[in-house]
PDB file of N, CA and C in Angstrom:
ATOM      1  N   ALA A   1     -45.667-132.935-158.791  1.00  0.00           N
ATOM      2  CA  ALA A   1     -44.589-133.511-157.995  1.00  0.00           C
ATOM      3  C   ALA A   1     -44.196-132.524-156.895  1.00  0.00           C
ATOM      4  N   PRO A   2     -43.783-133.009-155.745  1.00  0.00           N
ATOM      5  CA  PRO A   2     -43.382-132.126-154.652  1.00  0.00           C
ATOM      6  C   PRO A   2     -42.278-131.158-155.091  1.00  0.00           C
ATOM      7  N   GLY A   3     -42.414-129.903-154.706  1.00  0.00           N
ATOM      8  CA  GLY A   3     -41.422-128.894-155.041  1.00  0.00           C
ATOM      9  C   GLY A   3     -41.516-128.355-156.452  1.00  0.00           C
ATOM     10  N   GLN A   4     -42.494-128.792-157.235  1.00  0.00           N
ATOM     11  CA  GLN A   4     -42.645-128.351-158.612  1.00  0.00           C
ATOM     12  C   GLN A   4     -43.681-127.246-158.754  1.00  0.00           C
ATOM     13  N   ALA A   5     -44.579-127.104-157.779  1.00  0.00           N
ATOM     14  CA  ALA A   5     -45.662-126.132-157.896  1.00  0.00           C
ATOM     15  C   ALA A   5     -46.158-125.763-156.511  1.00  0.00           C
ATOM     16  N   LEU A   6     -46.922-124.693-156.450  1.00  0.00           N
ATOM     17  CA  LEU A   6     -47.532-124.238-155.213  1.00  0.00           C
ATOM     18  C   LEU A   6     -49.012-124.615-155.253  1.00  0.00           C
ATOM     19  N   VAL A   7     -49.471-125.404-154.299  1.00  0.00           N
ATOM     20  CA  VAL A   7     -50.872-125.821-154.233  1.00  0.00           C
ATOM     21  C   VAL A   7     -51.466-125.281-152.943  1.00  0.00           C
ATOM     22  N   VAL A   8     -52.620-124.627-153.070  1.00  0.00           N
ATOM     23  CA  VAL A   8     -53.302-124.039-151.928  1.00  0.00           C
ATOM     24  C   VAL A   8     -54.731-124.560-151.911  1.00  0.00           C
ATOM     25  N   ASP A   9     -55.154-125.120-150.778  1.00  0.00           N
ATOM     26  CA  ASP A   9     -56.541-125.504-150.598  1.00  0.00           C
ATOM     27  C   ASP A   9     -57.295-124.285-150.074  1.00  0.00           C
ATOM     28  N   PHE A  10     -58.518-124.089-150.561  1.00  0.00           N
ATOM     29  CA  PHE A  10     -59.299-122.934-150.110  1.00  0.00           C
ATOM     30  C   PHE A  10     -60.775-123.287-150.086  1.00  0.00           C
ATOM     31  N   GLU A  11     -61.536-122.456-149.368  1.00  0.00           N
ATOM     32  CA  GLU A  11     -62.976-122.664-149.266  1.00  0.00           C
ATOM     33  C   GLU A  11     -63.663-121.317-149.079  1.00  0.00           C
ATOM     34  N   SER A  12     -64.783-121.143-149.787  1.00  0.00           N
ATOM     35  CA  SER A  12     -65.610-119.941-149.628  1.00  0.00           C
ATOM     36  C   SER A  12     -67.029-120.403-149.290  1.00  0.00           C
ATOM     37  N   ASP A  13     -67.949-119.472-149.251  1.00  0.00           N
ATOM     38  CA  ASP A  13     -69.341-119.821-148.942  1.00  0.00           C
ATOM     39  C   ASP A  13     -69.944-120.737-149.998  1.00  0.00           C
ATOM     40  N   ILE A  14     -69.470-120.624-151.252  1.00  0.00           N
ATOM     41  CA  ILE A  14     -70.108-121.396-152.322  1.00  0.00           C
ATOM     42  C   ILE A  14     -69.181-122.381-153.030  1.00  0.00           C
ATOM     43  N   PHE A  15     -67.875-122.377-152.715  1.00  0.00           N
ATOM     44  CA  PHE A  15     -66.936-123.221-153.451  1.00  0.00           C
ATOM     45  C   PHE A  15     -65.861-123.762-152.522  1.00  0.00           C
ATOM     46  N   VAL A  16     -65.437-124.997-152.756  1.00  0.00           N
ATOM     47  CA  VAL A  16     -64.306-125.581-152.034  1.00  0.00           C
ATOM     48  C   VAL A  16     -63.396-126.231-153.072  1.00  0.00           C
ATOM     49  N   GLY A  17     -62.096-125.985-152.954  1.00  0.00           N
ATOM     50  CA  GLY A  17     -61.206-126.541-153.955  1.00  0.00           C
ATOM     51  C   GLY A  17     -59.741-126.294-153.669  1.00  0.00           C
ATOM     52  N   SER A  18     -58.945-126.502-154.714  1.00  0.00           N
ATOM     53  CA  SER A  18     -57.500-126.320-154.652  1.00  0.00           C
ATOM     54  C   SER A  18     -57.064-125.434-155.805  1.00  0.00           C
ATOM     55  N   LEU A  19     -56.025-124.675-155.570  1.00  0.00           N
ATOM     56  CA  LEU A  19     -55.420-123.818-156.579  1.00  0.00           C
ATOM     57  C   LEU A  19     -53.991-124.301-156.792  1.00  0.00           C
ATOM     58  N   LEU A  20     -53.648-124.594-158.036  1.00  0.00           N
ATOM     59  CA  LEU A  20     -52.284-124.947-158.410  1.00  0.00           C
ATOM     60  C   LEU A  20     -51.700-123.745-159.131  1.00  0.00           C
ATOM     61  N   LEU A  21     -50.542-123.282-158.695  1.00  0.00           N
ATOM     62  CA  LEU A  21     -49.916-122.103-159.287  1.00  0.00           C
ATOM     63  C   LEU A  21     -48.469-122.414-159.625  1.00  0.00           C
ATOM     64  N   ARG A  22     -48.122-122.200-160.894  1.00  0.00           N
ATOM     65  CA  ARG A  22     -46.733-122.303-161.344  1.00  0.00           C
ATOM     66  C   ARG A  22     -46.329-120.946-161.892  1.00  0.00           C
ATOM     67  N   ILE A  23     -45.175-120.441-161.463  1.00  0.00           N
ATOM     68  CA  ILE A  23     -44.686-119.141-161.918  1.00  0.00           C
ATOM     69  C   ILE A  23     -43.280-119.328-162.471  1.00  0.00           C
ATOM     70  N   ARG A  24     -43.112-118.950-163.726  1.00  0.00           N
ATOM     71  CA  ARG A  24     -41.795-119.077-164.367  1.00  0.00           C
ATOM     72  C   ARG A  24     -40.796-118.155-163.664  1.00  0.00           C
ATOM     73  N   ASN A  25     -39.584-118.624-163.489  1.00  0.00           N
ATOM     74  CA  ASN A  25     -38.484-117.882-162.864  1.00  0.00           C
ATOM     75  C   ASN A  25     -38.706-117.552-161.392  1.00  0.00           C
ATOM     76  N   ALA A  26     -39.652-118.226-160.730  1.00  0.00           N
ATOM     77  CA  ALA A  26     -39.867-117.985-159.301  1.00  0.00           C
ATOM     78  C   ALA A  26     -38.709-118.589-158.513  1.00  0.00           C
ATOM     79  N   GLN A  27     -38.134-117.823-157.621  1.00  0.00           N
ATOM     80  CA  GLN A  27     -37.028-118.291-156.798  1.00  0.00           C
ATOM     81  C   GLN A  27     -37.532-118.523-155.377  1.00  0.00           C
ATOM     82  N   GLY A  28     -36.991-119.542-154.717  1.00  0.00           N
ATOM     83  CA  GLY A  28     -37.325-119.781-153.319  1.00  0.00           C
ATOM     84  C   GLY A  28     -38.585-120.599-153.105  1.00  0.00           C
ATOM     85  N   THR A  29     -39.222-121.074-154.171  1.00  0.00           N
ATOM     86  CA  THR A  29     -40.443-121.869-154.003  1.00  0.00           C
ATOM     87  C   THR A  29     -40.172-123.362-154.126  1.00  0.00           C
ATOM     88  N   THR A  30     -38.990-123.742-154.573  1.00  0.00           N
ATOM     89  CA  THR A  30     -38.616-125.143-154.710  1.00  0.00           C
ATOM     90  C   THR A  30     -37.260-125.360-154.046  1.00  0.00           C
ATOM     91  N   PRO A  31     -36.954-126.599-153.674  1.00  0.00           N
ATOM     92  CA  PRO A  31     -35.679-126.849-152.998  1.00  0.00           C
ATOM     93  C   PRO A  31     -34.457-126.562-153.873  1.00  0.00           C
ATOM     94  N   LYS A  32     -34.595-126.743-155.195  1.00  0.00           N
ATOM     95  CA  LYS A  32     -33.475-126.501-156.103  1.00  0.00           C
ATOM     96  C   LYS A  32     -33.646-125.145-156.790  1.00  0.00           C
ATOM     97  N   PRO A  33     -32.549-124.529-157.239  1.00  0.00           N
ATOM     98  CA  PRO A  33     -32.666-123.268-157.987  1.00  0.00           C
ATOM     99  C   PRO A  33     -33.487-123.473-159.262  1.00  0.00           C
ATOM    100  N   TYR A  34     -34.179-122.440-159.695  1.00  0.00           N
ATOM    101  CA  TYR A  34     -35.009-122.522-160.887  1.00  0.00           C
ATOM    102  C   TYR A  34     -34.140-122.801-162.109  1.00  0.00           C
ATOM    103  N   ASP A  35     -34.596-123.737-162.955  1.00  0.00           N
ATOM    104  CA  ASP A  35     -33.870-124.100-164.173  1.00  0.00           C
ATOM    105  C   ASP A  35     -34.868-124.100-165.323  1.00  0.00           C
ATOM    106  N   ASP A  36     -34.748-123.127-166.223  1.00  0.00           N
ATOM    107  CA  ASP A  36     -35.701-122.971-167.329  1.00  0.00           C
ATOM    108  C   ASP A  36     -35.536-124.046-168.404  1.00  0.00           C
ATOM    109  N   SER A  37     -34.476-124.843-168.314  1.00  0.00           N
ATOM    110  CA  SER A  37     -34.251-125.869-169.331  1.00  0.00           C
ATOM    111  C   SER A  37     -34.920-127.198-168.975  1.00  0.00           C
ATOM    112  N   SER A  38     -35.574-127.264-167.811  1.00  0.00           N
ATOM    113  CA  SER A  38     -36.295-128.484-167.441  1.00  0.00           C
ATOM    114  C   SER A  38     -37.560-128.113-166.688  1.00  0.00           C
ATOM    115  N   GLY A  39     -38.499-129.013-166.676  1.00  0.00           N
ATOM    116  CA  GLY A  39     -39.725-128.784-165.940  1.00  0.00           C
ATOM    117  C   GLY A  39     -40.876-128.326-166.817  1.00  0.00           C
ATOM    118  N   TYR A  40     -41.926-127.864-166.193  1.00  0.00           N
ATOM    119  CA  TYR A  40     -43.178-127.540-166.870  1.00  0.00           C
ATOM    120  C   TYR A  40     -43.020-126.532-168.004  1.00  0.00           C
ATOM    121  N   PHE A  41     -42.237-125.490-167.806  1.00  0.00           N
ATOM    122  CA  PHE A  41     -42.156-124.397-168.774  1.00  0.00           C
ATOM    123  C   PHE A  41     -41.182-124.653-169.932  1.00  0.00           C
ATOM    124  N   THR A  42     -40.498-125.780-169.930  1.00  0.00           N
ATOM    125  CA  THR A  42     -39.537-126.080-170.991  1.00  0.00           C
ATOM    126  C   THR A  42     -40.213-126.045-172.358  1.00  0.00           C
ATOM    127  N   GLY A  43     -39.689-125.223-173.245  1.00  0.00           N
ATOM    128  CA  GLY A  43     -40.219-125.133-174.603  1.00  0.00           C
ATOM    129  C   GLY A  43     -41.526-124.365-174.730  1.00  0.00           C
ATOM    130  N   MET A  44     -41.989-123.740-173.672  1.00  0.00           N
ATOM    131  CA  MET A  44     -43.249-122.983-173.723  1.00  0.00           C
ATOM    132  C   MET A  44     -42.985-121.505-173.526  1.00  0.00           C
ATOM    133  N   ASN A  45     -43.795-120.691-174.167  1.00  0.00           N
ATOM    134  CA  ASN A  45     -43.682-119.245-174.025  1.00  0.00           C
ATOM    135  C   ASN A  45     -44.754-118.766-173.044  1.00  0.00           C
ATOM    136  N   ARG A  46     -44.729-119.298-171.832  1.00  0.00           N
ATOM    137  CA  ARG A  46     -45.695-118.930-170.792  1.00  0.00           C
ATOM    138  C   ARG A  46     -44.947-118.380-169.592  1.00  0.00           C
ATOM    139  N   ARG A  47     -45.619-117.509-168.851  1.00  0.00           N
ATOM    140  CA  ARG A  47     -45.020-116.949-167.648  1.00  0.00           C
ATOM    141  C   ARG A  47     -45.599-117.575-166.386  1.00  0.00           C
ATOM    142  N   TYR A  48     -46.826-118.073-166.471  1.00  0.00           N
ATOM    143  CA  TYR A  48     -47.441-118.704-165.311  1.00  0.00           C
ATOM    144  C   TYR A  48     -48.526-119.673-165.762  1.00  0.00           C
ATOM    145  N   GLN A  49     -48.926-120.539-164.855  1.00  0.00           N
ATOM    146  CA  GLN A  49     -50.057-121.431-165.065  1.00  0.00           C
ATOM    147  C   GLN A  49     -50.865-121.436-163.778  1.00  0.00           C
ATOM    148  N   THR A  50     -52.176-121.295-163.898  1.00  0.00           N
ATOM    149  CA  THR A  50     -53.080-121.357-162.767  1.00  0.00           C
ATOM    150  C   THR A  50     -54.157-122.384-163.071  1.00  0.00           C
ATOM    151  N   VAL A  51     -54.373-123.309-162.145  1.00  0.00           N
ATOM    152  CA  VAL A  51     -55.411-124.329-162.297  1.00  0.00           C
ATOM    153  C   VAL A  51     -56.235-124.340-161.021  1.00  0.00           C
ATOM    154  N   VAL A  52     -57.550-124.203-161.172  1.00  0.00           N
ATOM    155  CA  VAL A  52     -58.466-124.294-160.036  1.00  0.00           C
ATOM    156  C   VAL A  52     -59.277-125.567-160.207  1.00  0.00           C
ATOM    157  N   ARG A  53     -59.330-126.356-159.154  1.00  0.00           N
ATOM    158  CA  ARG A  53     -60.091-127.598-159.168  1.00  0.00           C
ATOM    159  C   ARG A  53     -60.934-127.644-157.906  1.00  0.00           C
ATOM    160  N   GLY A  54     -62.191-128.038-158.045  1.00  0.00           N
ATOM    161  CA  GLY A  54     -63.032-128.137-156.874  1.00  0.00           C
ATOM    162  C   GLY A  54     -64.482-128.315-157.253  1.00  0.00           C
ATOM    163  N   MET A  55     -65.350-127.968-156.307  1.00  0.00           N
ATOM    164  CA  MET A  55     -66.779-128.103-156.576  1.00  0.00           C
ATOM    165  C   MET A  55     -67.564-127.033-155.830  1.00  0.00           C
ATOM    166  N   PHE A  56     -68.715-126.737-156.413  1.00  0.00           N
ATOM    167  CA  PHE A  56     -69.620-125.794-155.777  1.00  0.00           C
ATOM    168  C   PHE A  56     -70.329-126.489-154.629  1.00  0.00           C
ATOM    169  N   LYS A  57     -70.499-125.787-153.518  1.00  0.00           N
ATOM    170  CA  LYS A  57     -71.167-126.338-152.349  1.00  0.00           C
ATOM    171  C   LYS A  57     -72.684-126.262-152.496  1.00  0.00           C
ATOM    172  N   LYS A  58     -73.129-125.370-153.342  1.00  0.00           N
ATOM    173  CA  LYS A  58     -74.562-125.195-153.571  1.00  0.00           C
ATOM    174  C   LYS A  58     -74.912-125.761-154.945  1.00  0.00           C
ATOM    175  N   GLU A  59     -76.056-126.352-155.055  1.00  0.00           N
ATOM    176  CA  GLU A  59     -76.517-126.867-156.346  1.00  0.00           C
ATOM    177  C   GLU A  59     -77.111-125.734-157.167  1.00  0.00           C
ATOM    178  N   GLY A  60     -77.096-125.911-158.474  1.00  0.00           N
ATOM    179  CA  GLY A  60     -77.755-124.955-159.356  1.00  0.00           C
ATOM    180  C   GLY A  60     -76.889-123.812-159.832  1.00  0.00           C
ATOM    181  N   VAL A  61     -75.574-123.856-159.603  1.00  0.00           N
ATOM    182  CA  VAL A  61     -74.686-122.818-160.123  1.00  0.00           C
ATOM    183  C   VAL A  61     -74.385-123.172-161.581  1.00  0.00           C
ATOM    184  N   ALA A  62     -74.888-122.361-162.491  1.00  0.00           N
ATOM    185  CA  ALA A  62     -74.703-122.630-163.919  1.00  0.00           C
ATOM    186  C   ALA A  62     -73.318-122.169-164.362  1.00  0.00           C
ATOM    187  N   MET A  63     -72.661-122.982-165.172  1.00  0.00           N
ATOM    188  CA  MET A  63     -71.343-122.599-165.690  1.00  0.00           C
ATOM    189  C   MET A  63     -71.434-121.345-166.564  1.00  0.00           C
ATOM    190  N   THR A  64     -72.597-121.063-167.112  1.00  0.00           N
ATOM    191  CA  THR A  64     -72.764-119.845-167.908  1.00  0.00           C
ATOM    192  C   THR A  64     -72.691-118.593-167.039  1.00  0.00           C
ATOM    193  N   ASP A  65     -72.804-118.754-165.721  1.00  0.00           N
ATOM    194  CA  ASP A  65     -72.688-117.623-164.789  1.00  0.00           C
ATOM    195  C   ASP A  65     -71.267-117.457-164.259  1.00  0.00           C
ATOM    196  N   CYS A  66     -70.375-118.371-164.615  1.00  0.00           N
ATOM    197  CA  CYS A  66     -69.005-118.353-164.095  1.00  0.00           C
ATOM    198  C   CYS A  66     -68.070-117.621-165.054  1.00  0.00           C
ATOM    199  N   VAL A  67     -67.110-116.932-164.490  1.00  0.00           N
ATOM    200  CA  VAL A  67     -66.105-116.233-165.292  1.00  0.00           C
ATOM    201  C   VAL A  67     -64.723-116.568-164.762  1.00  0.00           C
ATOM    202  N   THR A  68     -63.733-116.316-165.594  1.00  0.00           N
ATOM    203  CA  THR A  68     -62.345-116.454-165.188  1.00  0.00           C
ATOM    204  C   THR A  68     -61.619-115.166-165.560  1.00  0.00           C
ATOM    205  N   GLY A  69     -60.547-114.898-164.891  1.00  0.00           N
ATOM    206  CA  GLY A  69     -59.784-113.696-165.187  1.00  0.00           C
ATOM    207  C   GLY A  69     -59.180-113.115-163.932  1.00  0.00           C
ATOM    208  N   GLN A  70     -58.949-111.825-163.971  1.00  0.00           N
ATOM    209  CA  GLN A  70     -58.332-111.147-162.849  1.00  0.00           C
ATOM    210  C   GLN A  70     -59.089-109.871-162.515  1.00  0.00           C
ATOM    211  N   VAL A  71     -59.307-109.664-161.227  1.00  0.00           N
ATOM    212  CA  VAL A  71     -59.887-108.431-160.704  1.00  0.00           C
ATOM    213  C   VAL A  71     -58.903-107.934-159.652  1.00  0.00           C
ATOM    214  N   LEU A  72     -58.391-106.735-159.852  1.00  0.00           N
ATOM    215  CA  LEU A  72     -57.379-106.188-158.949  1.00  0.00           C
ATOM    216  C   LEU A  72     -58.023-105.263-157.927  1.00  0.00           C
ATOM    217  N   ASN A  73     -57.409-105.150-156.768  1.00  0.00           N
ATOM    218  CA  ASN A  73     -57.946-104.317-155.687  1.00  0.00           C
ATOM    219  C   ASN A  73     -57.452-102.879-155.721  1.00  0.00           C
ATOM    220  N   ARG A  74     -56.515-102.590-156.615  1.00  0.00           N
ATOM    221  CA  ARG A  74     -56.008-101.215-156.720  1.00  0.00           C
ATOM    222  C   ARG A  74     -55.679-100.906-158.177  1.00  0.00           C
ATOM    223  N   LYS A  75     -55.473 -99.642-158.455  1.00  0.00           N
ATOM    224  CA  LYS A  75     -55.176 -99.204-159.819  1.00  0.00           C
ATOM    225  C   LYS A  75     -53.894 -99.851-160.327  1.00  0.00           C
ATOM    226  N   CYS A  76     -53.788 -99.950-161.641  1.00  0.00           N
ATOM    227  CA  CYS A  76     -52.638-100.613-162.276  1.00  0.00           C
ATOM    228  C   CYS A  76     -51.357 -99.800-162.200  1.00  0.00           C
ATOM    229  N   GLY A  77     -51.425 -98.539-161.953  1.00  0.00           N
ATOM    230  CA  GLY A  77     -50.228 -97.713-162.022  1.00  0.00           C
ATOM    231  C   GLY A  77     -50.154 -97.050-163.380  1.00  0.00           C
ATOM    232  N   LYS A  78     -48.949 -96.772-163.840  1.00  0.00           N
ATOM    233  CA  LYS A  78     -48.782 -96.088-165.125  1.00  0.00           C
ATOM    234  C   LYS A  78     -49.091 -97.040-166.269  1.00  0.00           C
ATOM    235  N   LEU A  79     -50.073 -96.676-167.077  1.00  0.00           N
ATOM    236  CA  LEU A  79     -50.490 -97.473-168.228  1.00  0.00           C
ATOM    237  C   LEU A  79     -50.085 -96.780-169.518  1.00  0.00           C
ATOM    238  N   PRO A  80     -50.014 -97.532-170.607  1.00  0.00           N
ATOM    239  CA  PRO A  80     -49.770 -96.903-171.908  1.00  0.00           C
ATOM    240  C   PRO A  80     -50.921 -95.958-172.257  1.00  0.00           C
ATOM    241  N   PRO A  81     -50.749 -95.087-173.245  1.00  0.00           N
ATOM    242  CA  PRO A  81     -51.847 -94.192-173.652  1.00  0.00           C
ATOM    243  C   PRO A  81     -53.106 -94.984-174.002  1.00  0.00           C
ATOM    244  N   LYS A  82     -54.263 -94.350-173.779  1.00  0.00           N
ATOM    245  CA  LYS A  82     -55.549 -95.029-173.995  1.00  0.00           C
ATOM    246  C   LYS A  82     -55.709 -95.556-175.410  1.00  0.00           C
ATOM    247  N   VAL A  83     -55.199 -94.860-176.402  1.00  0.00           N
ATOM    248  CA  VAL A  83     -55.331 -95.312-177.782  1.00  0.00           C
ATOM    249  C   VAL A  83     -54.604 -96.650-177.983  1.00  0.00           C
ATOM    250  N   ILE A  84     -53.496 -96.831-177.323  1.00  0.00           N
ATOM    251  CA  ILE A  84     -52.759 -98.096-177.413  1.00  0.00           C
ATOM    252  C   ILE A  84     -53.510 -99.196-176.664  1.00  0.00           C
ATOM    253  N   LEU A  85     -54.014 -98.866-175.465  1.00  0.00           N
ATOM    254  CA  LEU A  85     -54.791 -99.850-174.709  1.00  0.00           C
ATOM    255  C   LEU A  85     -56.019-100.300-175.494  1.00  0.00           C
ATOM    256  N   ARG A  86     -56.751 -99.346-176.063  1.00  0.00           N
ATOM    257  CA  ARG A  86     -57.957 -99.701-176.838  1.00  0.00           C
ATOM    258  C   ARG A  86     -57.591-100.595-178.017  1.00  0.00           C
ATOM    259  N   GLY A  87     -56.499-100.291-178.699  1.00  0.00           N
ATOM    260  CA  GLY A  87     -56.064-101.109-179.830  1.00  0.00           C
ATOM    261  C   GLY A  87     -55.698-102.515-179.401  1.00  0.00           C
ATOM    262  N   ALA A  88     -54.973-102.625-178.288  1.00  0.00           N
ATOM    263  CA  ALA A  88     -54.585-103.946-177.789  1.00  0.00           C
ATOM    264  C   ALA A  88     -55.811-104.752-177.370  1.00  0.00           C
ATOM    265  N   VAL A  89     -56.741-104.118-176.672  1.00  0.00           N
ATOM    266  CA  VAL A  89     -57.961-104.816-176.241  1.00  0.00           C
ATOM    267  C   VAL A  89     -58.784-105.238-177.453  1.00  0.00           C
ATOM    268  N   LYS A  90     -58.817-104.410-178.483  1.00  0.00           N
ATOM    269  CA  LYS A  90     -59.568-104.751-179.692  1.00  0.00           C
ATOM    270  C   LYS A  90     -58.979-105.983-180.370  1.00  0.00           C
ATOM    271  N   ILE A  91     -57.662-106.050-180.437  1.00  0.00           N
ATOM    272  CA  ILE A  91     -57.004-107.218-181.039  1.00  0.00           C
ATOM    273  C   ILE A  91     -57.275-108.469-180.208  1.00  0.00           C
ATOM    274  N   ILE A  92     -57.111-108.375-178.892  1.00  0.00           N
ATOM    275  CA  ILE A  92     -57.350-109.523-178.010  1.00  0.00           C
ATOM    276  C   ILE A  92     -58.812-109.943-178.075  1.00  0.00           C
ATOM    277  N   SER A  93     -59.726-108.979-178.161  1.00  0.00           N
ATOM    278  CA  SER A  93     -61.160-109.283-178.215  1.00  0.00           C
ATOM    279  C   SER A  93     -61.541-110.014-179.499  1.00  0.00           C
ATOM    280  N   TYR A  94     -60.732-109.871-180.532  1.00  0.00           N
ATOM    281  CA  TYR A  94     -60.990-110.627-181.765  1.00  0.00           C
ATOM    282  C   TYR A  94     -60.898-112.127-181.479  1.00  0.00           C
ATOM    283  N   PHE A  95     -59.944-112.516-180.637  1.00  0.00           N
ATOM    284  CA  PHE A  95     -59.755-113.926-180.293  1.00  0.00           C
ATOM    285  C   PHE A  95     -60.623-114.354-179.112  1.00  0.00           C
ATOM    286  N   ALA A  96     -61.045-113.411-178.293  1.00  0.00           N
ATOM    287  CA  ALA A  96     -61.899-113.695-177.126  1.00  0.00           C
ATOM    288  C   ALA A  96     -63.029-112.670-177.120  1.00  0.00           C
ATOM    289  N   PRO A  97     -64.060-112.876-177.970  1.00  0.00           N
ATOM    290  CA  PRO A  97     -65.086-111.852-178.162  1.00  0.00           C
ATOM    291  C   PRO A  97     -65.883-111.464-176.915  1.00  0.00           C
ATOM    292  N   GLN A  98     -65.951-112.341-175.913  1.00  0.00           N
ATOM    293  CA  GLN A  98     -66.727-112.017-174.714  1.00  0.00           C
ATOM    294  C   GLN A  98     -65.876-111.431-173.593  1.00  0.00           C
ATOM    295  N   LEU A  99     -64.634-111.120-173.887  1.00  0.00           N
ATOM    296  CA  LEU A  99     -63.720-110.545-172.906  1.00  0.00           C
ATOM    297  C   LEU A  99     -64.225-109.183-172.446  1.00  0.00           C
ATOM    298  N   LYS A 100     -64.175-108.962-171.144  1.00  0.00           N
ATOM    299  CA  LYS A 100     -64.533-107.656-170.567  1.00  0.00           C
ATOM    300  C   LYS A 100     -63.287-107.119-169.872  1.00  0.00           C
ATOM    301  N   VAL A 101     -62.858-105.923-170.292  1.00  0.00           N
ATOM    302  CA  VAL A 101     -61.620-105.339-169.780  1.00  0.00           C
ATOM    303  C   VAL A 101     -61.862-103.896-169.374  1.00  0.00           C
ATOM    304  N   LYS A 102     -61.356-103.526-168.208  1.00  0.00           N
ATOM    305  CA  LYS A 102     -61.354-102.137-167.745  1.00  0.00           C
ATOM    306  C   LYS A 102     -60.081-101.966-166.926  1.00  0.00           C
ATOM    307  N   LEU A 103     -59.031-101.458-167.557  1.00  0.00           N
ATOM    308  CA  LEU A 103     -57.729-101.357-166.902  1.00  0.00           C
ATOM    309  C   LEU A 103     -57.500-100.022-166.200  1.00  0.00           C
ATOM    310  N   ASP A 104     -58.248 -98.990-166.574  1.00  0.00           N
ATOM    311  CA  ASP A 104     -58.023 -97.669-165.975  1.00  0.00           C
ATOM    312  C   ASP A 104     -59.009 -97.366-164.851  1.00  0.00           C
ATOM    313  N   ALA A 105     -59.643 -98.390-164.288  1.00  0.00           N
ATOM    314  CA  ALA A 105     -60.603 -98.217-163.202  1.00  0.00           C
ATOM    315  C   ALA A 105     -59.904 -98.266-161.845  1.00  0.00           C
ATOM    316  N   ASP A 106     -60.625 -97.902-160.785  1.00  0.00           N
ATOM    317  CA  ASP A 106     -60.076 -98.017-159.428  1.00  0.00           C
ATOM    318  C   ASP A 106     -59.815 -99.479-159.082  1.00  0.00           C
ATOM    319  N   LYS A 107     -60.665-100.378-159.584  1.00  0.00           N
ATOM    320  CA  LYS A 107     -60.477-101.819-159.433  1.00  0.00           C
ATOM    321  C   LYS A 107     -60.443-102.436-160.836  1.00  0.00           C
ATOM    322  N   PRO A 108     -59.283-102.439-161.486  1.00  0.00           N
ATOM    323  CA  PRO A 108     -59.185-102.937-162.859  1.00  0.00           C
ATOM    324  C   PRO A 108     -59.555-104.414-162.943  1.00  0.00           C
ATOM    325  N   TYR A 109     -60.063-104.808-164.117  1.00  0.00           N
ATOM    326  CA  TYR A 109     -60.427-106.207-164.307  1.00  0.00           C
ATOM    327  C   TYR A 109     -60.239-106.615-165.761  1.00  0.00           C
ATOM    328  N   CYS A 110     -60.120-107.916-165.925  1.00  0.00           N
ATOM    329  CA  CYS A 110     -60.023-108.561-167.227  1.00  0.00           C
ATOM    330  C   CYS A 110     -60.658-109.932-167.031  1.00  0.00           C
ATOM    331  N   ILE A 111     -61.919-110.077-167.427  1.00  0.00           N
ATOM    332  CA  ILE A 111     -62.651-111.328-167.179  1.00  0.00           C
ATOM    333  C   ILE A 111     -63.316-111.819-168.460  1.00  0.00           C
ATOM    334  N   SER A 112     -63.541-113.116-168.477  1.00  0.00           N
ATOM    335  CA  SER A 112     -64.150-113.757-169.636  1.00  0.00           C
ATOM    336  C   SER A 112     -64.909-114.997-169.163  1.00  0.00           C
ATOM    337  N   PRO A 113     -65.996-115.353-169.852  1.00  0.00           N
ATOM    338  CA  PRO A 113     -66.708-116.575-169.460  1.00  0.00           C
ATOM    339  C   PRO A 113     -65.888-117.811-169.775  1.00  0.00           C
TER     340      PRO A 113
END
């Protein structure tokens, strides 16, 4: 519905589509002030929702070659000690065994098929 989410159309060399982004507690993105008691996030313990819809412009792109996640262009800043990070990643990897995470890199990432 209008004013409920941010939708961006985009195109690259191999993909054309739309991105729907909802961010909990975002101010200034809708005509009315944010109200956590109504709307998409009501009763959910989520901070954001991202939906990508579109199609590949080239044929033969296998879904097994596609990943989802986040790749950052700069370091994360101050992180918890490595032993805590490793423990957290190990727990998360139990539920997502193919998860690839590198948070202490120059370009941190967290991706999964």
